[in-house]
Every structure is written in C-alpha cells, then in structure tokens.
Protein backbone atom coordinates (compact mmCIF):
# COMPACT_ATOMS: atom_id res chain seq x y z
CA UNK A 1 31.42 31.44 -41.53
CA UNK A 2 34.36 33.82 -41.17
CA UNK A 3 37.62 32.90 -42.89
CA UNK A 4 39.99 31.39 -40.32
CA UNK A 5 42.95 33.18 -41.92
CA UNK A 6 41.45 36.59 -41.14
CA UNK A 7 41.21 35.93 -37.39
CA UNK A 8 43.83 36.24 -34.68
CA UNK A 9 44.85 33.24 -32.61
CA UNK A 10 43.11 34.90 -29.67
CA UNK A 11 39.86 35.10 -31.66
CA UNK A 12 40.19 31.47 -32.75
CA UNK A 13 40.85 30.26 -29.21
CA UNK A 14 37.84 32.27 -28.02
CA UNK A 15 35.56 30.63 -30.55
CA UNK A 16 36.97 27.14 -29.98
CA UNK A 17 36.57 27.30 -26.19
CA UNK A 18 33.02 28.62 -26.50
CA UNK A 19 32.07 26.00 -29.09
CA UNK A 20 33.48 23.15 -27.03
CA UNK A 21 31.75 24.43 -23.91
CA UNK A 22 28.37 24.93 -25.59
CA UNK A 23 28.63 21.55 -27.36
CA UNK A 24 28.93 19.92 -23.93
CA UNK A 25 26.06 21.93 -22.51
CA UNK A 26 28.34 23.54 -19.93
CA UNK A 27 28.01 27.01 -18.46
CA UNK A 28 31.09 29.14 -17.96
CA UNK A 29 30.79 28.28 -14.27
CA UNK A 30 31.00 24.55 -14.99
CA UNK A 31 34.07 24.98 -17.20
CA UNK A 32 35.65 27.19 -14.55
CA UNK A 33 35.06 24.60 -11.86
CA UNK A 34 36.38 21.73 -13.98
CA UNK A 35 39.47 23.65 -15.08
CA UNK A 36 40.28 25.49 -11.86
CA UNK A 37 40.22 28.78 -13.77
CA UNK A 38 38.04 31.65 -12.56
CA UNK A 39 34.69 32.09 -14.36
CA UNK A 40 35.52 35.69 -15.25
CA UNK A 41 38.75 34.51 -16.89
CA UNK A 42 36.78 32.01 -18.99
CA UNK A 43 34.50 34.86 -20.09
CA UNK A 44 37.49 37.03 -20.99
CA UNK A 45 38.95 34.20 -23.08
CA UNK A 46 35.63 33.59 -24.86
CA UNK A 47 35.34 37.29 -25.72
CA UNK A 48 38.99 37.38 -26.88
CA UNK A 49 39.68 40.13 -24.36
CA UNK A 50 42.87 38.62 -22.95
CA UNK A 51 45.91 36.73 -24.09
CA UNK A 52 45.41 33.47 -22.18
CA UNK A 53 48.46 32.02 -20.49
CA UNK A 54 49.71 28.59 -21.49
CA UNK A 55 49.16 27.15 -18.00
CA UNK A 56 45.50 28.20 -18.14
CA UNK A 57 45.10 26.91 -21.69
CA UNK A 58 46.42 23.58 -20.45
CA UNK A 59 43.92 23.54 -17.56
CA UNK A 60 41.06 24.29 -19.94
CA UNK A 61 42.22 21.57 -22.36
CA UNK A 62 42.31 19.08 -19.48
CA UNK A 63 38.77 20.06 -18.50
CA UNK A 64 37.72 19.18 -22.06
CA UNK A 65 39.72 15.92 -21.76
CA UNK A 66 42.02 16.84 -24.62
CA UNK A 67 45.63 17.74 -25.25
CA UNK A 68 46.61 21.39 -25.67
CA UNK A 69 47.39 20.87 -29.36
CA UNK A 70 43.85 19.55 -29.92
CA UNK A 71 42.34 22.59 -28.21
CA UNK A 72 44.44 24.80 -30.46
CA UNK A 73 43.50 22.89 -33.64
CA UNK A 74 41.75 25.75 -35.39
CA UNK A 75 41.89 24.27 -38.88
CA UNK A 76 38.83 22.07 -38.47
CA UNK A 77 35.68 23.48 -36.92
CA UNK A 78 33.46 21.17 -38.99
CA UNK A 79 32.55 19.18 -35.88
CA UNK A 80 30.65 22.28 -34.80
CA UNK A 81 28.74 22.85 -38.03
CA UNK A 82 25.37 22.77 -36.27
CA UNK A 83 26.48 25.30 -33.69
CA UNK A 84 27.89 27.64 -36.30
CA UNK A 85 24.54 28.24 -38.00
CA UNK A 86 24.29 31.70 -36.52
CA UNK A 87 23.19 33.50 -39.66
CA UNK A 88 19.83 31.71 -39.86
CA UNK A 89 19.23 31.97 -36.12
CA UNK A 90 19.17 28.23 -35.48
CA UNK A 91 22.36 28.02 -33.44
CA UNK A 92 23.28 29.56 -30.09
CA UNK A 93 24.65 33.07 -29.93
CA UNK A 94 28.35 33.12 -30.71
CA UNK A 95 30.16 36.38 -31.35
CA UNK A 96 31.23 36.87 -34.94
CA UNK A 97 34.92 37.56 -35.24
CA UNK A 98 35.92 39.60 -38.23
C-alpha cells in the first residue's frame, strides 16, 4: 500500500470515498442519489481530478452516515484491508496514487 504521507489530501479523499462506496456495494449513481451530488462529480472526486468543496464533502459524509471529520480520517484505512489487496488481484480495481 502507498505511504499516506506521500499522497495529497485530494488523493486521500478520492481513495477514502471510493473505498467507502465499494465497501457498501454502491455504484457512483447510488452515492450521487443519496448525497444529492451529481454522479460525474463523484467520479471526479474518486479520480482526484477536482478539489471538492466542503459543502459537497459534507453531503457525501451524510450519505455515508458519518461526520465530515470521520470521512477525512485518512490515518486509518485498516478497515479496508480486504479491499486494498490490489497487488494480488483479489480486490476491486482502485487507482494507485503515488
């Protein structure tokens, strides 16, 4: 797994949103509907293509039934250990951020 210190906050948010969404079995469309944020915007966030606004981060956090600070808790991704097994091909595709 990539060192968290070598990634930007945008990269970390992208990975966290994607991991939370995949862990729940949601498509980007489902997350968009639950959060009230456009599906394309969710995709841009997950690819770290945009600097997400705080209002939209809050909407996404609410869709995941969590506080904003919990969504932005990048220090502990251990809850996603099974999903992060990209190298051996057992987990879902998640872009590697370097």
